[in-house]
Amino acid sequence: MLTSTDKFIDEEYANVVRSWLKMTKVEKIFEKEKEEAMKETRDQAEKSKAIEIAKNLMDVLSIEMISKKTGLSIDEVKKLKEDMSNN
């Protein structure tokens, strides 16, 4: 089985697998937590960017269109509009 995988995976992925095989269980848990934290940070950054875009589109597009273009929910866009009106 290992021999046949040489035909299907590239060297970079093979190195990733090799590093995982070398890790202890504690290291694997730590690595997984680190990856999850990095993903959460990226998700928060994307959400912040979507909010900024929505703010810029507020006077140009409908709430529904802003929601569609930014990936924010309609409720999120409505709340953002309310917050902007109150300031």
PDB file of N, CA and C in Angstrom:
ATOM      1  N   MET A   1       0.815  -1.186   0.000  1.00  0.00           N
ATOM      2  CA  MET A   1       0.000   0.000   0.000  1.00  0.00           C
ATOM      3  C   MET A   1       0.867   1.261   0.000  1.00  0.00           C
ATOM      4  N   LEU A   2       1.900   1.291   0.823  1.00  0.00           N
ATOM      5  CA  LEU A   2       2.762   2.457   0.862  1.00  0.00           C
ATOM      6  C   LEU A   2       3.452   2.703  -0.464  1.00  0.00           C
ATOM      7  N   THR A   3       3.826   1.628  -1.135  1.00  0.00           N
ATOM      8  CA  THR A   3       4.488   1.766  -2.430  1.00  0.00           C
ATOM      9  C   THR A   3       3.539   2.387  -3.446  1.00  0.00           C
ATOM     10  N   SER A   4       2.290   1.985  -3.438  1.00  0.00           N
ATOM     11  CA  SER A   4       1.345   2.524  -4.418  1.00  0.00           C
ATOM     12  C   SER A   4       1.038   3.993  -4.151  1.00  0.00           C
ATOM     13  N   THR A   5       1.132   4.458  -2.886  1.00  0.00           N
ATOM     14  CA  THR A   5       0.852   5.869  -2.613  1.00  0.00           C
ATOM     15  C   THR A   5       1.899   6.781  -3.220  1.00  0.00           C
ATOM     16  N   ASP A   6       3.098   6.267  -3.458  1.00  0.00           N
ATOM     17  CA  ASP A   6       4.128   7.082  -4.102  1.00  0.00           C
ATOM     18  C   ASP A   6       3.678   7.596  -5.465  1.00  0.00           C
ATOM     19  N   LYS A   7       2.774   6.882  -6.094  1.00  0.00           N
ATOM     20  CA  LYS A   7       2.289   7.279  -7.413  1.00  0.00           C
ATOM     21  C   LYS A   7       1.204   8.353  -7.328  1.00  0.00           C
ATOM     22  N   PHE A   8       0.589   8.519  -6.134  1.00  0.00           N
ATOM     23  CA  PHE A   8      -0.570   9.400  -6.022  1.00  0.00           C
ATOM     24  C   PHE A   8      -0.334  10.678  -5.221  1.00  0.00           C
ATOM     25  N   ILE A   9       0.700  10.712  -4.403  1.00  0.00           N
ATOM     26  CA  ILE A   9       0.923  11.911  -3.589  1.00  0.00           C
ATOM     27  C   ILE A   9       2.236  12.576  -3.986  1.00  0.00           C
ATOM     28  N   ASP A  10       2.250  13.889  -3.863  1.00  0.00           N
ATOM     29  CA  ASP A  10       3.469  14.612  -4.220  1.00  0.00           C
ATOM     30  C   ASP A  10       4.424  14.653  -3.023  1.00  0.00           C
ATOM     31  N   GLU A  11       5.613  15.139  -3.256  1.00  0.00           N
ATOM     32  CA  GLU A  11       6.661  15.137  -2.238  1.00  0.00           C
ATOM     33  C   GLU A  11       6.297  16.025  -1.043  1.00  0.00           C
ATOM     34  N   GLU A  12       5.678  17.163  -1.321  1.00  0.00           N
ATOM     35  CA  GLU A  12       5.306  18.075  -0.230  1.00  0.00           C
ATOM     36  C   GLU A  12       4.337  17.393   0.739  1.00  0.00           C
ATOM     37  N   TYR A  13       3.320  16.738   0.191  1.00  0.00           N
ATOM     38  CA  TYR A  13       2.353  16.038   1.046  1.00  0.00           C
ATOM     39  C   TYR A  13       3.023  14.874   1.773  1.00  0.00           C
ATOM     40  N   ALA A  14       3.932  14.192   1.115  1.00  0.00           N
ATOM     41  CA  ALA A  14       4.666  13.091   1.748  1.00  0.00           C
ATOM     42  C   ALA A  14       5.451  13.600   2.954  1.00  0.00           C
ATOM     43  N   ASN A  15       6.031  14.795   2.833  1.00  0.00           N
ATOM     44  CA  ASN A  15       6.755  15.382   3.962  1.00  0.00           C
ATOM     45  C   ASN A  15       5.821  15.728   5.111  1.00  0.00           C
ATOM     46  N   VAL A  16       4.625  16.183   4.793  1.00  0.00           N
ATOM     47  CA  VAL A  16       3.633  16.464   5.838  1.00  0.00           C
ATOM     48  C   VAL A  16       3.277  15.175   6.573  1.00  0.00           C
ATOM     49  N   VAL A  17       3.029  14.118   5.821  1.00  0.00           N
ATOM     50  CA  VAL A  17       2.701  12.822   6.425  1.00  0.00           C
ATOM     51  C   VAL A  17       3.872  12.337   7.278  1.00  0.00           C
ATOM     52  N   ARG A  18       5.061  12.474   6.787  1.00  0.00           N
ATOM     53  CA  ARG A  18       6.247  12.045   7.527  1.00  0.00           C
ATOM     54  C   ARG A  18       6.344  12.788   8.859  1.00  0.00           C
ATOM     55  N   SER A  19       6.095  14.095   8.827  1.00  0.00           N
ATOM     56  CA  SER A  19       6.180  14.873  10.073  1.00  0.00           C
ATOM     57  C   SER A  19       5.095  14.449  11.054  1.00  0.00           C
ATOM     58  N   TRP A  20       3.905  14.120  10.551  1.00  0.00           N
ATOM     59  CA  TRP A  20       2.825  13.660  11.431  1.00  0.00           C
ATOM     60  C   TRP A  20       3.176  12.316  12.057  1.00  0.00           C
ATOM     61  N   LEU A  21       3.810  11.446  11.292  1.00  0.00           N
ATOM     62  CA  LEU A  21       4.166  10.135  11.823  1.00  0.00           C
ATOM     63  C   LEU A  21       5.216  10.231  12.922  1.00  0.00           C
ATOM     64  N   LYS A  22       6.054  11.249  12.854  1.00  0.00           N
ATOM     65  CA  LYS A  22       7.100  11.439  13.851  1.00  0.00           C
ATOM     66  C   LYS A  22       6.565  12.016  15.156  1.00  0.00           C
ATOM     67  N   MET A  23       5.423  12.689  15.116  1.00  0.00           N
ATOM     68  CA  MET A  23       4.908  13.393  16.288  1.00  0.00           C
ATOM     69  C   MET A  23       4.345  12.435  17.331  1.00  0.00           C
ATOM     70  N   THR A  24       4.476  12.854  18.585  1.00  0.00           N
ATOM     71  CA  THR A  24       3.817  12.127  19.665  1.00  0.00           C
ATOM     72  C   THR A  24       2.347  12.534  19.676  1.00  0.00           C
ATOM     73  N   LYS A  25       1.549  11.858  20.465  1.00  0.00           N
ATOM     74  CA  LYS A  25       0.131  12.207  20.560  1.00  0.00           C
ATOM     75  C   LYS A  25      -0.058  13.633  21.064  1.00  0.00           C
ATOM     76  N   VAL A  26       0.753  14.030  22.028  1.00  0.00           N
ATOM     77  CA  VAL A  26       0.652  15.391  22.569  1.00  0.00           C
ATOM     78  C   VAL A  26       0.991  16.409  21.486  1.00  0.00           C
ATOM     79  N   GLU A  27       2.030  16.151  20.717  1.00  0.00           N
ATOM     80  CA  GLU A  27       2.400  17.065  19.633  1.00  0.00           C
ATOM     81  C   GLU A  27       1.294  17.147  18.593  1.00  0.00           C
ATOM     82  N   LYS A  28       0.659  16.018  18.293  1.00  0.00           N
ATOM     83  CA  LYS A  28      -0.425  16.017  17.316  1.00  0.00           C
ATOM     84  C   LYS A  28      -1.602  16.847  17.814  1.00  0.00           C
ATOM     85  N   ILE A  29      -1.923  16.718  19.097  1.00  0.00           N
ATOM     86  CA  ILE A  29      -3.014  17.508  19.675  1.00  0.00           C
ATOM     87  C   ILE A  29      -2.672  18.991  19.603  1.00  0.00           C
ATOM     88  N   PHE A  30      -1.438  19.333  19.982  1.00  0.00           N
ATOM     89  CA  PHE A  30      -0.997  20.721  19.926  1.00  0.00           C
ATOM     90  C   PHE A  30      -1.069  21.261  18.501  1.00  0.00           C
ATOM     91  N   GLU A  31      -0.605  20.501  17.538  1.00  0.00           N
ATOM     92  CA  GLU A  31      -0.616  20.920  16.135  1.00  0.00           C
ATOM     93  C   GLU A  31      -2.052  21.141  15.647  1.00  0.00           C
ATOM     94  N   LYS A  32      -2.954  20.249  16.022  1.00  0.00           N
ATOM     95  CA  LYS A  32      -4.354  20.386  15.615  1.00  0.00           C
ATOM     96  C   LYS A  32      -4.966  21.644  16.227  1.00  0.00           C
ATOM     97  N   GLU A  33      -4.680  21.894  17.504  1.00  0.00           N
ATOM     98  CA  GLU A  33      -5.196  23.101  18.154  1.00  0.00           C
ATOM     99  C   GLU A  33      -4.640  24.361  17.490  1.00  0.00           C
ATOM    100  N   LYS A  34      -3.373  24.325  17.118  1.00  0.00           N
ATOM    101  CA  LYS A  34      -2.754  25.468  16.450  1.00  0.00           C
ATOM    102  C   LYS A  34      -3.430  25.729  15.103  1.00  0.00           C
ATOM    103  N   GLU A  35      -3.689  24.675  14.348  1.00  0.00           N
ATOM    104  CA  GLU A  35      -4.356  24.819  13.051  1.00  0.00           C
ATOM    105  C   GLU A  35      -5.766  25.376  13.220  1.00  0.00           C
ATOM    106  N   GLU A  36      -6.487  24.900  14.254  1.00  0.00           N
ATOM    107  CA  GLU A  36      -7.838  25.394  14.503  1.00  0.00           C
ATOM    108  C   GLU A  36      -7.816  26.873  14.882  1.00  0.00           C
ATOM    109  N   ALA A  37      -6.835  27.272  15.687  1.00  0.00           N
ATOM    110  CA  ALA A  37      -6.707  28.679  16.079  1.00  0.00           C
ATOM    111  C   ALA A  37      -6.403  29.550  14.867  1.00  0.00           C
ATOM    112  N   MET A  38      -5.546  29.066  13.987  1.00  0.00           N
ATOM    113  CA  MET A  38      -5.214  29.816  12.773  1.00  0.00           C
ATOM    114  C   MET A  38      -6.446  29.959  11.881  1.00  0.00           C
ATOM    115  N   LYS A  39      -7.238  28.906  11.774  1.00  0.00           N
ATOM    116  CA  LYS A  39      -8.459  28.949  10.963  1.00  0.00           C
ATOM    117  C   LYS A  39      -9.444  29.942  11.565  1.00  0.00           C
ATOM    118  N   GLU A  40      -9.578  29.934  12.882  1.00  0.00           N
ATOM    119  CA  GLU A  40     -10.482  30.863  13.551  1.00  0.00           C
ATOM    120  C   GLU A  40     -10.048  32.313  13.306  1.00  0.00           C
ATOM    121  N   THR A  41      -8.759  32.556  13.354  1.00  0.00           N
ATOM    122  CA  THR A  41      -8.234  33.896  13.096  1.00  0.00           C
ATOM    123  C   THR A  41      -8.540  34.332  11.672  1.00  0.00           C
ATOM    124  N   ARG A  42      -8.346  33.418  10.717  1.00  0.00           N
ATOM    125  CA  ARG A  42      -8.656  33.733   9.312  1.00  0.00           C
ATOM    126  C   ARG A  42     -10.142  34.016   9.147  1.00  0.00           C
ATOM    127  N   ASP A  43     -10.987  33.204   9.798  1.00  0.00           N
ATOM    128  CA  ASP A  43     -12.430  33.388   9.696  1.00  0.00           C
ATOM    129  C   ASP A  43     -12.851  34.747  10.257  1.00  0.00           C
ATOM    130  N   GLN A  44     -12.258  35.137  11.377  1.00  0.00           N
ATOM    131  CA  GLN A  44     -12.565  36.438  11.971  1.00  0.00           C
ATOM    132  C   GLN A  44     -12.130  37.579  11.063  1.00  0.00           C
ATOM    133  N   ALA A  45     -10.986  37.425  10.437  1.00  0.00           N
ATOM    134  CA  ALA A  45     -10.490  38.456   9.516  1.00  0.00           C
ATOM    135  C   ALA A  45     -11.419  38.586   8.311  1.00  0.00           C
ATOM    136  N   GLU A  46     -11.878  37.455   7.789  1.00  0.00           N
ATOM    137  CA  GLU A  46     -12.798  37.479   6.654  1.00  0.00           C
ATOM    138  C   GLU A  46     -14.122  38.130   7.036  1.00  0.00           C
ATOM    139  N   LYS A  47     -14.590  37.832   8.245  1.00  0.00           N
ATOM    140  CA  LYS A  47     -15.846  38.422   8.730  1.00  0.00           C
ATOM    141  C   LYS A  47     -15.692  39.932   8.868  1.00  0.00           C
ATOM    142  N   SER A  48     -14.575  40.386   9.424  1.00  0.00           N
ATOM    143  CA  SER A  48     -14.325  41.824   9.566  1.00  0.00           C
ATOM    144  C   SER A  48     -14.300  42.514   8.216  1.00  0.00           C
ATOM    145  N   LYS A  49     -13.683  41.865   7.242  1.00  0.00           N
ATOM    146  CA  LYS A  49     -13.620  42.432   5.896  1.00  0.00           C
ATOM    147  C   LYS A  49     -15.017  42.502   5.280  1.00  0.00           C
ATOM    148  N   ALA A  50     -15.826  41.459   5.490  1.00  0.00           N
ATOM    149  CA  ALA A  50     -17.189  41.444   4.967  1.00  0.00           C
ATOM    150  C   ALA A  50     -18.013  42.565   5.596  1.00  0.00           C
ATOM    151  N   ILE A  51     -17.811  42.822   6.878  1.00  0.00           N
ATOM    152  CA  ILE A  51     -18.532  43.892   7.566  1.00  0.00           C
ATOM    153  C   ILE A  51     -18.135  45.251   6.994  1.00  0.00           C
ATOM    154  N   GLU A  52     -16.854  45.455   6.762  1.00  0.00           N
ATOM    155  CA  GLU A  52     -16.397  46.723   6.177  1.00  0.00           C
ATOM    156  C   GLU A  52     -16.979  46.930   4.778  1.00  0.00           C
ATOM    157  N   ILE A  53     -17.003  45.868   3.992  1.00  0.00           N
ATOM    158  CA  ILE A  53     -17.580  45.956   2.643  1.00  0.00           C
ATOM    159  C   ILE A  53     -19.062  46.289   2.740  1.00  0.00           C
ATOM    160  N   ALA A  54     -19.762  45.619   3.666  1.00  0.00           N
ATOM    161  CA  ALA A  54     -21.193  45.868   3.850  1.00  0.00           C
ATOM    162  C   ALA A  54     -21.448  47.328   4.225  1.00  0.00           C
ATOM    163  N   LYS A  55     -20.626  47.860   5.115  1.00  0.00           N
ATOM    164  CA  LYS A  55     -20.781  49.265   5.504  1.00  0.00           C
ATOM    165  C   LYS A  55     -20.642  50.186   4.296  1.00  0.00           C
ATOM    166  N   ASN A  56     -19.705  49.881   3.438  1.00  0.00           N
ATOM    167  CA  ASN A  56     -19.476  50.712   2.251  1.00  0.00           C
ATOM    168  C   ASN A  56     -20.589  50.597   1.220  1.00  0.00           C
ATOM    169  N   LEU A  57     -21.302  49.483   1.241  1.00  0.00           N
ATOM    170  CA  LEU A  57     -22.372  49.270   0.263  1.00  0.00           C
ATOM    171  C   LEU A  57     -23.751  49.680   0.779  1.00  0.00           C
ATOM    172  N   MET A  58     -23.813  50.039   2.047  1.00  0.00           N
ATOM    173  CA  MET A  58     -25.094  50.280   2.711  1.00  0.00           C
ATOM    174  C   MET A  58     -25.965  51.309   1.988  1.00  0.00           C
ATOM    175  N   ASP A  59     -25.370  52.362   1.463  1.00  0.00           N
ATOM    176  CA  ASP A  59     -26.174  53.394   0.809  1.00  0.00           C
ATOM    177  C   ASP A  59     -26.334  53.161  -0.700  1.00  0.00           C
ATOM    178  N   VAL A  60     -25.814  52.017  -1.171  1.00  0.00           N
ATOM    179  CA  VAL A  60     -25.855  51.754  -2.613  1.00  0.00           C
ATOM    180  C   VAL A  60     -26.743  50.558  -2.959  1.00  0.00           C
ATOM    181  N   LEU A  61     -26.715  49.518  -2.110  1.00  0.00           N
ATOM    182  CA  LEU A  61     -27.435  48.278  -2.410  1.00  0.00           C
ATOM    183  C   LEU A  61     -28.463  47.959  -1.335  1.00  0.00           C
ATOM    184  N   SER A  62     -29.388  47.081  -1.675  1.00  0.00           N
ATOM    185  CA  SER A  62     -30.383  46.623  -0.710  1.00  0.00           C
ATOM    186  C   SER A  62     -29.723  45.679   0.306  1.00  0.00           C
ATOM    187  N   ILE A  63     -30.392  45.495   1.419  1.00  0.00           N
ATOM    188  CA  ILE A  63     -29.894  44.592   2.460  1.00  0.00           C
ATOM    189  C   ILE A  63     -29.710  43.191   1.899  1.00  0.00           C
ATOM    190  N   GLU A  64     -30.642  42.748   1.099  1.00  0.00           N
ATOM    191  CA  GLU A  64     -30.569  41.405   0.522  1.00  0.00           C
ATOM    192  C   GLU A  64     -29.359  41.252  -0.388  1.00  0.00           C
ATOM    193  N   MET A  65     -29.095  42.267  -1.201  1.00  0.00           N
ATOM    194  CA  MET A  65     -27.962  42.206  -2.124  1.00  0.00           C
ATOM    195  C   MET A  65     -26.642  42.268  -1.351  1.00  0.00           C
ATOM    196  N   ILE A  66     -26.593  43.092  -0.322  1.00  0.00           N
ATOM    197  CA  ILE A  66     -25.383  43.172   0.505  1.00  0.00           C
ATOM    198  C   ILE A  66     -25.120  41.823   1.147  1.00  0.00           C
ATOM    199  N   SER A  67     -26.174  41.205   1.643  1.00  0.00           N
ATOM    200  CA  SER A  67     -26.041  39.880   2.252  1.00  0.00           C
ATOM    201  C   SER A  67     -25.485  38.875   1.245  1.00  0.00           C
ATOM    202  N   LYS A  68     -26.030  38.915   0.059  1.00  0.00           N
ATOM    203  CA  LYS A  68     -25.592  37.990  -0.996  1.00  0.00           C
ATOM    204  C   LYS A  68     -24.136  38.228  -1.382  1.00  0.00           C
ATOM    205  N   LYS A  69     -23.737  39.485  -1.494  1.00  0.00           N
ATOM    206  CA  LYS A  69     -22.389  39.811  -1.957  1.00  0.00           C
ATOM    207  C   LYS A  69     -21.314  39.634  -0.888  1.00  0.00           C
ATOM    208  N   THR A  70     -21.694  39.768   0.392  1.00  0.00           N
ATOM    209  CA  THR A  70     -20.692  39.678   1.460  1.00  0.00           C
ATOM    210  C   THR A  70     -20.677  38.341   2.184  1.00  0.00           C
ATOM    211  N   GLY A  71     -21.761  37.578   2.065  1.00  0.00           N
ATOM    212  CA  GLY A  71     -21.843  36.326   2.799  1.00  0.00           C
ATOM    213  C   GLY A  71     -22.383  36.497   4.212  1.00  0.00           C
ATOM    214  N   LEU A  72     -22.676  37.738   4.592  1.00  0.00           N
ATOM    215  CA  LEU A  72     -23.303  37.980   5.889  1.00  0.00           C
ATOM    216  C   LEU A  72     -24.784  37.628   5.797  1.00  0.00           C
ATOM    217  N   SER A  73     -25.372  37.247   6.916  1.00  0.00           N
ATOM    218  CA  SER A  73     -26.805  36.949   6.905  1.00  0.00           C
ATOM    219  C   SER A  73     -27.593  38.249   6.788  1.00  0.00           C
ATOM    220  N   ILE A  74     -28.834  38.134   6.367  1.00  0.00           N
ATOM    221  CA  ILE A  74     -29.691  39.314   6.261  1.00  0.00           C
ATOM    222  C   ILE A  74     -29.844  39.969   7.628  1.00  0.00           C
ATOM    223  N   ASP A  75     -29.989  39.155   8.669  1.00  0.00           N
ATOM    224  CA  ASP A  75     -30.105  39.702  10.026  1.00  0.00           C
ATOM    225  C   ASP A  75     -28.845  40.464  10.430  1.00  0.00           C
ATOM    226  N   GLU A  76     -27.668  39.943  10.065  1.00  0.00           N
ATOM    227  CA  GLU A  76     -26.418  40.638  10.383  1.00  0.00           C
ATOM    228  C   GLU A  76     -26.351  41.995   9.681  1.00  0.00           C
ATOM    229  N   VAL A  77     -26.774  42.031   8.430  1.00  0.00           N
ATOM    230  CA  VAL A  77     -26.747  43.278   7.667  1.00  0.00           C
ATOM    231  C   VAL A  77     -27.754  44.270   8.241  1.00  0.00           C
ATOM    232  N   LYS A  78     -28.939  43.779   8.611  1.00  0.00           N
ATOM    233  CA  LYS A  78     -29.947  44.657   9.219  1.00  0.00           C
ATOM    234  C   LYS A  78     -29.414  45.255  10.521  1.00  0.00           C
ATOM    235  N   LYS A  79     -28.797  44.429  11.343  1.00  0.00           N
ATOM    236  CA  LYS A  79     -28.241  44.899  12.616  1.00  0.00           C
ATOM    237  C   LYS A  79     -27.146  45.933  12.368  1.00  0.00           C
ATOM    238  N   LEU A  80     -26.303  45.664  11.391  1.00  0.00           N
ATOM    239  CA  LEU A  80     -25.242  46.595  11.043  1.00  0.00           C
ATOM    240  C   LEU A  80     -25.825  47.936  10.593  1.00  0.00           C
ATOM    241  N   LYS A  81     -26.884  47.882   9.810  1.00  0.00           N
ATOM    242  CA  LYS A  81     -27.541  49.119   9.340  1.00  0.00           C
ATOM    243  C   LYS A  81     -28.132  49.883  10.518  1.00  0.00           C
ATOM    244  N   GLU A  82     -28.773  49.162  11.434  1.00  0.00           N
ATOM    245  CA  GLU A  82     -29.341  49.803  12.631  1.00  0.00           C
ATOM    246  C   GLU A  82     -28.243  50.463  13.457  1.00  0.00           C
ATOM    247  N   ASP A  83     -27.141  49.737  13.658  1.00  0.00           N
ATOM    248  CA  ASP A  83     -26.026  50.270  14.433  1.00  0.00           C
ATOM    249  C   ASP A  83     -25.453  51.536  13.792  1.00  0.00           C
ATOM    250  N   MET A  84     -25.372  51.528  12.475  1.00  0.00           N
ATOM    251  CA  MET A  84     -24.849  52.691  11.762  1.00  0.00           C
ATOM    252  C   MET A  84     -25.810  53.880  11.887  1.00  0.00           C
ATOM    253  N   SER A  85     -27.106  53.611  11.895  1.00  0.00           N
ATOM    254  CA  SER A  85     -28.095  54.674  12.023  1.00  0.00           C
ATOM    255  C   SER A  85     -28.088  55.299  13.408  1.00  0.00           C
ATOM    256  N   ASN A  86     -27.753  54.486  14.423  1.00  0.00           N
ATOM    257  CA  ASN A  86     -27.751  54.965  15.793  1.00  0.00           C
ATOM    258  C   ASN A  86     -26.508  55.776  16.125  1.00  0.00           C
ATOM    259  N   ASN A  87     -25.501  55.699  15.294  1.00  0.00           N
ATOM    260  CA  ASN A  87     -24.257  56.434  15.564  1.00  0.00           C
ATOM    261  C   ASN A  87     -24.218  57.752  14.913  1.00  0.00           C
TER     262      ASN A  87
END
